[in-house]
Amino acid sequence: MSFVIERVLRSTPALSAFIAAHHADMQGTAPPESQHALAVERLFTPGIRLFATTAEGRIVATGALAPVEDGHEELKSMRTDPSMRGRGLGRAMLAFLIDDAAERGIRRLSLETGRHDFFAPARAMYAKAGFVECAAFGRYQPDENSAFMTLVPVPAIMVG
């Protein structure tokens, strides 16, 4: 299977549906106040860099980078289509995002994900890429439903 990762500059019906499915996937994994996924329109806020992986003409994965502070960005909207999981698309997107951040001089990447078992594969993927647990960052508050992870320093090249 060949796939392409490209920056997304505007929403489409397919992207909106993909992000809506992302939100639906997480329903019931934590109370609403502990769910921090961005609505599709928020992914086009200035400073956020959204990317989509396409294969055979359809979106199969997404990931975004959002500013936290100078030199520090957050991973957002990481999702792989459930029918495509286990094929390395999440790892490829993560490596792509790490490279994008490194190329722009970002020194720290952080993320918030759930502590529920549903998120265990994602936490394992992030840990394998070098992310370690950390305290709440940016606007987040400590939350028993959230796992916070960070990567410092951001490696120069992950994909190559």
N, C-alpha and C. Protein backbone atom coordinates (compact mmCIF):
# COMPACT_ATOMS: atom_id res chain seq x y z
N MET A 1 0.84 -1.18 0.00
CA MET A 1 0.00 0.00 0.00
C MET A 1 0.89 1.24 0.00
N SER A 2 0.64 2.14 -0.92
CA SER A 2 1.37 3.40 -0.91
C SER A 2 0.46 4.48 -0.34
N PHE A 3 1.10 5.43 0.34
CA PHE A 3 0.34 6.52 0.94
C PHE A 3 1.15 7.80 0.83
N VAL A 4 0.45 8.91 0.97
CA VAL A 4 1.05 10.23 0.89
C VAL A 4 0.60 11.03 2.10
N ILE A 5 1.55 11.74 2.72
CA ILE A 5 1.23 12.65 3.83
C ILE A 5 1.40 14.06 3.31
N GLU A 6 0.35 14.87 3.43
CA GLU A 6 0.39 16.24 2.95
C GLU A 6 -0.27 17.17 3.96
N ARG A 7 0.17 18.42 3.93
CA ARG A 7 -0.45 19.44 4.78
C ARG A 7 -1.84 19.75 4.24
N VAL A 8 -2.78 19.94 5.16
CA VAL A 8 -4.16 20.26 4.81
C VAL A 8 -4.40 21.73 5.15
N LEU A 9 -4.85 22.50 4.19
CA LEU A 9 -5.03 23.93 4.40
C LEU A 9 -6.49 24.35 4.54
N ARG A 10 -7.41 23.46 4.19
CA ARG A 10 -8.84 23.77 4.33
C ARG A 10 -9.61 22.48 4.55
N SER A 11 -10.75 22.62 5.17
CA SER A 11 -11.57 21.45 5.45
C SER A 11 -12.30 20.99 4.19
N THR A 12 -12.61 19.72 4.19
CA THR A 12 -13.42 19.10 3.14
C THR A 12 -14.46 18.23 3.84
N PRO A 13 -15.49 17.82 3.15
CA PRO A 13 -16.45 16.91 3.79
C PRO A 13 -15.78 15.62 4.29
N ALA A 14 -14.82 15.08 3.54
CA ALA A 14 -14.14 13.85 3.96
C ALA A 14 -13.32 14.09 5.23
N LEU A 15 -12.64 15.22 5.32
CA LEU A 15 -11.87 15.54 6.52
C LEU A 15 -12.81 15.75 7.71
N SER A 16 -13.88 16.48 7.51
CA SER A 16 -14.85 16.70 8.60
C SER A 16 -15.39 15.37 9.11
N ALA A 17 -15.70 14.45 8.21
CA ALA A 17 -16.20 13.14 8.62
C ALA A 17 -15.13 12.35 9.38
N PHE A 18 -13.88 12.44 8.92
CA PHE A 18 -12.78 11.72 9.58
C PHE A 18 -12.58 12.24 11.00
N ILE A 19 -12.59 13.56 11.18
CA ILE A 19 -12.41 14.15 12.50
C ILE A 19 -13.64 13.85 13.38
N ALA A 20 -14.83 13.88 12.81
CA ALA A 20 -16.04 13.52 13.59
C ALA A 20 -15.93 12.07 14.08
N ALA A 21 -15.42 11.18 13.25
CA ALA A 21 -15.23 9.79 13.67
C ALA A 21 -14.19 9.70 14.79
N HIS A 22 -13.18 10.55 14.74
CA HIS A 22 -12.17 10.62 15.81
C HIS A 22 -12.85 10.95 17.14
N HIS A 23 -13.72 11.94 17.13
CA HIS A 23 -14.45 12.31 18.35
C HIS A 23 -15.37 11.18 18.80
N ALA A 24 -16.03 10.54 17.86
CA ALA A 24 -16.93 9.43 18.20
C ALA A 24 -16.16 8.26 18.81
N ASP A 25 -14.96 7.99 18.30
CA ASP A 25 -14.12 6.92 18.84
C ASP A 25 -13.85 7.11 20.33
N MET A 26 -13.74 8.36 20.74
CA MET A 26 -13.34 8.66 22.12
C MET A 26 -14.51 8.81 23.08
N GLN A 27 -15.73 8.84 22.57
CA GLN A 27 -16.88 8.97 23.47
C GLN A 27 -16.89 7.81 24.45
N GLY A 28 -17.08 8.14 25.70
CA GLY A 28 -17.14 7.12 26.74
C GLY A 28 -15.80 6.75 27.33
N THR A 29 -14.69 7.27 26.76
CA THR A 29 -13.38 6.95 27.31
C THR A 29 -13.00 7.86 28.47
N ALA A 30 -13.69 8.97 28.59
CA ALA A 30 -13.44 9.93 29.68
C ALA A 30 -14.61 10.90 29.70
N PRO A 31 -14.81 11.59 30.83
CA PRO A 31 -15.87 12.60 30.85
C PRO A 31 -15.57 13.72 29.84
N PRO A 32 -16.59 14.42 29.37
CA PRO A 32 -16.39 15.46 28.36
C PRO A 32 -15.31 16.48 28.72
N GLU A 33 -15.22 16.87 29.99
CA GLU A 33 -14.22 17.87 30.37
C GLU A 33 -12.79 17.34 30.29
N SER A 34 -12.65 16.03 30.13
CA SER A 34 -11.32 15.41 30.00
C SER A 34 -11.01 15.01 28.56
N GLN A 35 -11.86 15.38 27.62
CA GLN A 35 -11.62 15.09 26.21
C GLN A 35 -11.15 16.37 25.54
N HIS A 36 -9.96 16.32 24.96
CA HIS A 36 -9.32 17.54 24.47
C HIS A 36 -9.10 17.57 22.96
N ALA A 37 -9.77 16.70 22.22
CA ALA A 37 -9.64 16.70 20.77
C ALA A 37 -10.25 17.98 20.20
N LEU A 38 -9.58 18.53 19.20
CA LEU A 38 -10.06 19.77 18.58
C LEU A 38 -11.12 19.48 17.53
N ALA A 39 -12.13 20.33 17.50
CA ALA A 39 -13.12 20.28 16.42
C ALA A 39 -12.42 20.65 15.12
N VAL A 40 -12.94 20.17 14.01
CA VAL A 40 -12.27 20.38 12.72
C VAL A 40 -11.99 21.85 12.45
N GLU A 41 -12.92 22.74 12.77
CA GLU A 41 -12.68 24.16 12.47
C GLU A 41 -11.52 24.73 13.29
N ARG A 42 -11.29 24.20 14.49
CA ARG A 42 -10.17 24.66 15.33
C ARG A 42 -8.82 24.20 14.79
N LEU A 43 -8.84 23.17 13.95
CA LEU A 43 -7.58 22.69 13.35
C LEU A 43 -7.05 23.64 12.29
N PHE A 44 -7.84 24.65 11.95
CA PHE A 44 -7.41 25.64 10.96
C PHE A 44 -7.14 27.00 11.61
N THR A 45 -6.95 26.99 12.92
CA THR A 45 -6.56 28.19 13.65
C THR A 45 -5.13 28.54 13.24
N PRO A 46 -4.82 29.82 13.09
CA PRO A 46 -3.43 30.18 12.74
C PRO A 46 -2.43 29.57 13.71
N GLY A 47 -1.37 29.03 13.13
CA GLY A 47 -0.31 28.40 13.92
C GLY A 47 -0.42 26.88 13.98
N ILE A 48 -1.61 26.33 13.75
CA ILE A 48 -1.77 24.88 13.76
C ILE A 48 -1.46 24.34 12.37
N ARG A 49 -0.67 23.28 12.34
CA ARG A 49 -0.27 22.63 11.10
C ARG A 49 -0.93 21.25 11.07
N LEU A 50 -1.93 21.07 10.21
CA LEU A 50 -2.67 19.82 10.09
C LEU A 50 -2.18 19.06 8.87
N PHE A 51 -2.00 17.74 9.05
CA PHE A 51 -1.57 16.87 7.96
C PHE A 51 -2.52 15.68 7.86
N ALA A 52 -2.66 15.17 6.64
CA ALA A 52 -3.48 13.98 6.42
C ALA A 52 -2.71 13.00 5.56
N THR A 53 -2.88 11.75 5.89
CA THR A 53 -2.34 10.66 5.07
C THR A 53 -3.48 10.17 4.20
N THR A 54 -3.20 10.06 2.91
CA THR A 54 -4.20 9.52 1.99
C THR A 54 -3.64 8.25 1.34
N ALA A 55 -4.53 7.33 1.12
CA ALA A 55 -4.21 6.09 0.41
C ALA A 55 -5.41 5.75 -0.44
N GLU A 56 -5.16 5.43 -1.68
CA GLU A 56 -6.24 5.08 -2.60
C GLU A 56 -7.34 6.15 -2.61
N GLY A 57 -6.93 7.41 -2.53
CA GLY A 57 -7.85 8.53 -2.64
C GLY A 57 -8.68 8.85 -1.43
N ARG A 58 -8.37 8.24 -0.27
CA ARG A 58 -9.15 8.56 0.92
C ARG A 58 -8.23 8.84 2.10
N ILE A 59 -8.74 9.62 3.04
CA ILE A 59 -7.98 9.94 4.25
C ILE A 59 -7.94 8.71 5.14
N VAL A 60 -6.72 8.33 5.56
CA VAL A 60 -6.57 7.16 6.42
C VAL A 60 -5.88 7.51 7.74
N ALA A 61 -5.34 8.72 7.84
CA ALA A 61 -4.71 9.14 9.10
C ALA A 61 -4.59 10.66 9.12
N THR A 62 -4.57 11.21 10.32
CA THR A 62 -4.34 12.64 10.50
C THR A 62 -3.40 12.86 11.67
N GLY A 63 -2.83 14.04 11.69
CA GLY A 63 -2.00 14.49 12.81
C GLY A 63 -1.78 15.98 12.65
N ALA A 64 -1.61 16.66 13.77
CA ALA A 64 -1.42 18.10 13.73
C ALA A 64 -0.40 18.52 14.77
N LEU A 65 0.15 19.70 14.57
CA LEU A 65 1.05 20.33 15.52
C LEU A 65 0.47 21.69 15.88
N ALA A 66 0.37 21.96 17.18
CA ALA A 66 -0.19 23.22 17.66
C ALA A 66 0.82 23.88 18.58
N PRO A 67 0.98 25.20 18.46
CA PRO A 67 1.94 25.89 19.32
C PRO A 67 1.52 25.87 20.79
N VAL A 68 2.49 25.69 21.66
CA VAL A 68 2.29 25.81 23.11
C VAL A 68 2.98 27.09 23.58
N GLU A 69 4.25 27.20 23.25
CA GLU A 69 5.05 28.40 23.52
C GLU A 69 6.23 28.35 22.57
N ASP A 70 7.05 29.36 22.55
CA ASP A 70 8.19 29.41 21.64
C ASP A 70 9.04 28.15 21.78
N GLY A 71 9.22 27.41 20.68
CA GLY A 71 10.03 26.21 20.67
C GLY A 71 9.36 24.96 21.20
N HIS A 72 8.08 25.05 21.53
CA HIS A 72 7.34 23.93 22.13
C HIS A 72 6.00 23.80 21.40
N GLU A 73 5.74 22.61 20.84
CA GLU A 73 4.48 22.35 20.16
C GLU A 73 3.84 21.10 20.72
N GLU A 74 2.55 20.96 20.45
CA GLU A 74 1.77 19.83 20.93
C GLU A 74 1.26 19.02 19.75
N LEU A 75 1.32 17.70 19.86
CA LEU A 75 0.69 16.81 18.89
C LEU A 75 -0.82 16.82 19.15
N LYS A 76 -1.60 16.98 18.10
CA LYS A 76 -3.06 16.98 18.19
C LYS A 76 -3.62 16.11 17.07
N SER A 77 -4.84 15.66 17.25
CA SER A 77 -5.63 15.00 16.21
C SER A 77 -4.93 13.82 15.55
N MET A 78 -4.15 13.07 16.35
CA MET A 78 -3.53 11.85 15.83
C MET A 78 -4.61 10.78 15.75
N ARG A 79 -4.87 10.29 14.54
CA ARG A 79 -5.87 9.23 14.36
C ARG A 79 -5.55 8.44 13.11
N THR A 80 -5.71 7.15 13.19
CA THR A 80 -5.65 6.26 12.03
C THR A 80 -7.01 5.60 11.88
N ASP A 81 -7.49 5.53 10.66
CA ASP A 81 -8.75 4.85 10.39
C ASP A 81 -8.68 3.45 11.01
N PRO A 82 -9.68 3.06 11.81
CA PRO A 82 -9.63 1.75 12.46
C PRO A 82 -9.39 0.59 11.49
N SER A 83 -9.90 0.67 10.28
CA SER A 83 -9.70 -0.42 9.31
C SER A 83 -8.27 -0.49 8.80
N MET A 84 -7.47 0.54 9.09
CA MET A 84 -6.09 0.61 8.59
C MET A 84 -5.06 0.50 9.70
N ARG A 85 -5.51 0.30 10.94
CA ARG A 85 -4.57 0.22 12.06
C ARG A 85 -3.71 -1.03 11.94
N GLY A 86 -2.50 -0.92 12.49
CA GLY A 86 -1.56 -2.03 12.46
C GLY A 86 -0.71 -2.08 11.20
N ARG A 87 -0.81 -1.08 10.36
CA ARG A 87 -0.04 -1.05 9.11
C ARG A 87 1.08 -0.02 9.13
N GLY A 88 1.31 0.61 10.29
CA GLY A 88 2.41 1.57 10.39
C GLY A 88 2.05 3.00 10.04
N LEU A 89 0.78 3.28 9.76
CA LEU A 89 0.39 4.64 9.37
C LEU A 89 0.55 5.62 10.53
N GLY A 90 0.21 5.21 11.75
CA GLY A 90 0.39 6.08 12.91
C GLY A 90 1.86 6.39 13.14
N ARG A 91 2.70 5.36 13.06
CA ARG A 91 4.15 5.58 13.23
C ARG A 91 4.69 6.50 12.14
N ALA A 92 4.23 6.31 10.91
CA ALA A 92 4.69 7.16 9.81
C ALA A 92 4.26 8.60 10.03
N MET A 93 3.02 8.81 10.47
CA MET A 93 2.55 10.18 10.73
C MET A 93 3.35 10.79 11.87
N LEU A 94 3.57 10.03 12.95
CA LEU A 94 4.33 10.54 14.08
C LEU A 94 5.74 10.94 13.65
N ALA A 95 6.42 10.09 12.89
CA ALA A 95 7.76 10.42 12.40
C ALA A 95 7.73 11.66 11.52
N PHE A 96 6.71 11.77 10.67
CA PHE A 96 6.57 12.94 9.80
C PHE A 96 6.41 14.21 10.63
N LEU A 97 5.57 14.16 11.67
CA LEU A 97 5.35 15.33 12.51
C LEU A 97 6.61 15.70 13.29
N ILE A 98 7.32 14.71 13.78
CA ILE A 98 8.58 14.98 14.49
C ILE A 98 9.57 15.65 13.54
N ASP A 99 9.67 15.14 12.32
CA ASP A 99 10.56 15.76 11.33
C ASP A 99 10.14 17.19 11.01
N ASP A 100 8.84 17.40 10.83
CA ASP A 100 8.35 18.74 10.52
C ASP A 100 8.73 19.71 11.64
N ALA A 101 8.53 19.29 12.87
CA ALA A 101 8.88 20.15 14.01
C ALA A 101 10.38 20.40 14.06
N ALA A 102 11.18 19.36 13.90
CA ALA A 102 12.64 19.51 13.96
C ALA A 102 13.14 20.45 12.87
N GLU A 103 12.61 20.32 11.66
CA GLU A 103 13.03 21.18 10.55
C GLU A 103 12.74 22.64 10.82
N ARG A 104 11.75 22.92 11.64
CA ARG A 104 11.38 24.30 11.97
C ARG A 104 12.02 24.78 13.28
N GLY A 105 12.88 23.96 13.87
CA GLY A 105 13.60 24.36 15.07
C GLY A 105 12.84 24.17 16.37
N ILE A 106 11.78 23.39 16.35
CA ILE A 106 11.03 23.11 17.58
C ILE A 106 11.89 22.21 18.45
N ARG A 107 12.02 22.55 19.72
CA ARG A 107 12.90 21.81 20.63
C ARG A 107 12.15 20.82 21.51
N ARG A 108 10.85 21.02 21.69
CA ARG A 108 10.07 20.14 22.55
C ARG A 108 8.71 19.88 21.92
N LEU A 109 8.32 18.60 21.91
CA LEU A 109 6.98 18.19 21.49
C LEU A 109 6.31 17.54 22.68
N SER A 110 5.05 17.86 22.91
CA SER A 110 4.30 17.26 24.00
C SER A 110 2.95 16.80 23.47
N LEU A 111 2.28 16.00 24.29
CA LEU A 111 0.96 15.53 23.90
C LEU A 111 0.15 15.19 25.14
N GLU A 112 -1.15 15.20 24.95
CA GLU A 112 -2.09 14.72 25.96
C GLU A 112 -2.87 13.61 25.30
N THR A 113 -2.99 12.49 25.99
CA THR A 113 -3.81 11.39 25.51
C THR A 113 -4.51 10.77 26.71
N GLY A 114 -5.40 9.87 26.45
CA GLY A 114 -6.16 9.27 27.55
C GLY A 114 -5.40 8.20 28.30
N ARG A 115 -5.86 7.95 29.52
CA ARG A 115 -5.30 6.86 30.33
C ARG A 115 -6.10 5.56 30.17
N HIS A 116 -7.30 5.64 29.60
CA HIS A 116 -8.16 4.48 29.39
C HIS A 116 -7.43 3.47 28.50
N ASP A 117 -7.76 2.19 28.62
CA ASP A 117 -7.13 1.14 27.83
C ASP A 117 -7.21 1.39 26.32
N PHE A 118 -8.26 2.08 25.88
CA PHE A 118 -8.41 2.40 24.46
C PHE A 118 -7.17 3.10 23.92
N PHE A 119 -6.50 3.90 24.76
CA PHE A 119 -5.34 4.70 24.35
C PHE A 119 -4.01 3.99 24.56
N ALA A 120 -4.00 2.78 25.12
CA ALA A 120 -2.74 2.08 25.41
C ALA A 120 -1.86 1.90 24.17
N PRO A 121 -2.41 1.51 23.01
CA PRO A 121 -1.55 1.39 21.84
C PRO A 121 -0.90 2.72 21.44
N ALA A 122 -1.64 3.81 21.57
CA ALA A 122 -1.08 5.12 21.24
C ALA A 122 0.04 5.48 22.21
N ARG A 123 -0.19 5.26 23.51
CA ARG A 123 0.85 5.56 24.49
C ARG A 123 2.10 4.74 24.23
N ALA A 124 1.94 3.47 23.86
CA ALA A 124 3.08 2.61 23.55
C ALA A 124 3.83 3.13 22.31
N MET A 125 3.10 3.57 21.29
CA MET A 125 3.73 4.11 20.09
C MET A 125 4.55 5.36 20.43
N TYR A 126 3.96 6.25 21.25
CA TYR A 126 4.68 7.47 21.62
C TYR A 126 5.92 7.13 22.44
N ALA A 127 5.80 6.20 23.37
CA ALA A 127 6.95 5.80 24.20
C ALA A 127 8.06 5.22 23.32
N LYS A 128 7.69 4.40 22.35
CA LYS A 128 8.69 3.80 21.46
C LYS A 128 9.43 4.87 20.65
N ALA A 129 8.75 5.99 20.38
CA ALA A 129 9.37 7.10 19.64
C ALA A 129 10.20 8.01 20.54
N GLY A 130 10.22 7.72 21.86
CA GLY A 130 11.05 8.51 22.77
C GLY A 130 10.31 9.45 23.69
N PHE A 131 8.98 9.49 23.59
CA PHE A 131 8.20 10.34 24.48
C PHE A 131 8.19 9.72 25.88
N VAL A 132 8.27 10.57 26.90
CA VAL A 132 8.20 10.12 28.29
C VAL A 132 7.08 10.87 28.99
N GLU A 133 6.53 10.25 30.04
CA GLU A 133 5.48 10.93 30.79
C GLU A 133 6.02 12.21 31.41
N CYS A 134 5.16 13.20 31.51
CA CYS A 134 5.54 14.49 32.08
C CYS A 134 4.32 15.09 32.79
N ALA A 135 4.53 16.21 33.42
CA ALA A 135 3.44 16.94 34.07
C ALA A 135 2.56 17.61 33.01
N ALA A 136 1.38 18.02 33.44
CA ALA A 136 0.50 18.80 32.55
C ALA A 136 1.28 20.00 32.03
N PHE A 137 1.02 20.40 30.80
CA PHE A 137 1.76 21.49 30.18
C PHE A 137 0.77 22.47 29.55
N GLY A 138 1.27 23.64 29.16
CA GLY A 138 0.43 24.63 28.50
C GLY A 138 -0.80 24.96 29.33
N ARG A 139 -1.97 24.88 28.73
CA ARG A 139 -3.23 25.21 29.41
C ARG A 139 -3.86 24.03 30.13
N TYR A 140 -3.26 22.87 30.03
CA TYR A 140 -3.81 21.68 30.69
C TYR A 140 -3.64 21.76 32.20
N GLN A 141 -4.57 21.13 32.88
CA GLN A 141 -4.49 20.94 34.33
C GLN A 141 -4.29 19.45 34.58
N PRO A 142 -3.68 19.09 35.70
CA PRO A 142 -3.58 17.65 36.02
C PRO A 142 -4.98 17.02 35.97
N ASP A 143 -5.05 15.81 35.42
CA ASP A 143 -6.34 15.14 35.22
C ASP A 143 -6.09 13.64 35.28
N GLU A 144 -6.81 12.94 36.14
CA GLU A 144 -6.62 11.50 36.28
C GLU A 144 -6.95 10.73 35.00
N ASN A 145 -7.68 11.35 34.08
CA ASN A 145 -8.03 10.72 32.82
C ASN A 145 -7.02 10.97 31.72
N SER A 146 -6.04 11.85 31.97
CA SER A 146 -5.08 12.24 30.95
C SER A 146 -3.69 11.73 31.26
N ALA A 147 -3.00 11.33 30.20
CA ALA A 147 -1.57 11.03 30.25
C ALA A 147 -0.88 12.14 29.46
N PHE A 148 0.11 12.75 30.04
CA PHE A 148 0.89 13.80 29.38
C PHE A 148 2.26 13.23 29.07
N MET A 149 2.74 13.46 27.85
CA MET A 149 4.03 12.93 27.43
C MET A 149 4.79 14.01 26.68
N THR A 150 6.12 13.93 26.71
CA THR A 150 6.94 14.93 26.03
C THR A 150 8.16 14.29 25.40
N LEU A 151 8.69 14.95 24.39
CA LEU A 151 9.90 14.54 23.68
C LEU A 151 10.85 15.72 23.67
N VAL A 152 11.97 15.59 24.41
CA VAL A 152 12.98 16.65 24.47
C VAL A 152 14.34 15.99 24.44
N PRO A 153 15.27 16.39 23.62
CA PRO A 153 15.05 17.31 22.49
C PRO A 153 14.38 16.57 21.33
N VAL A 154 13.81 17.35 20.43
CA VAL A 154 13.21 16.77 19.24
C VAL A 154 14.35 16.30 18.34
N PRO A 155 14.39 15.01 17.97
CA PRO A 155 15.48 14.52 17.12
C PRO A 155 15.49 15.19 15.76
N ALA A 156 16.68 15.32 15.19
CA ALA A 156 16.84 16.03 13.93
C ALA A 156 16.13 15.35 12.75
N ILE A 157 16.27 14.04 12.61
CA ILE A 157 15.65 13.35 11.47
C ILE A 157 15.11 12.01 11.95
N MET A 158 13.83 11.77 11.72
CA MET A 158 13.22 10.49 12.10
C MET A 158 12.95 9.62 10.87
N VAL A 159 12.59 10.24 9.76
CA VAL A 159 12.24 9.51 8.54
C VAL A 159 13.32 9.79 7.51
N GLY A 160 13.58 8.83 6.71
CA GLY A 160 14.56 9.23 5.81
C GLY A 160 14.91 8.60 4.62
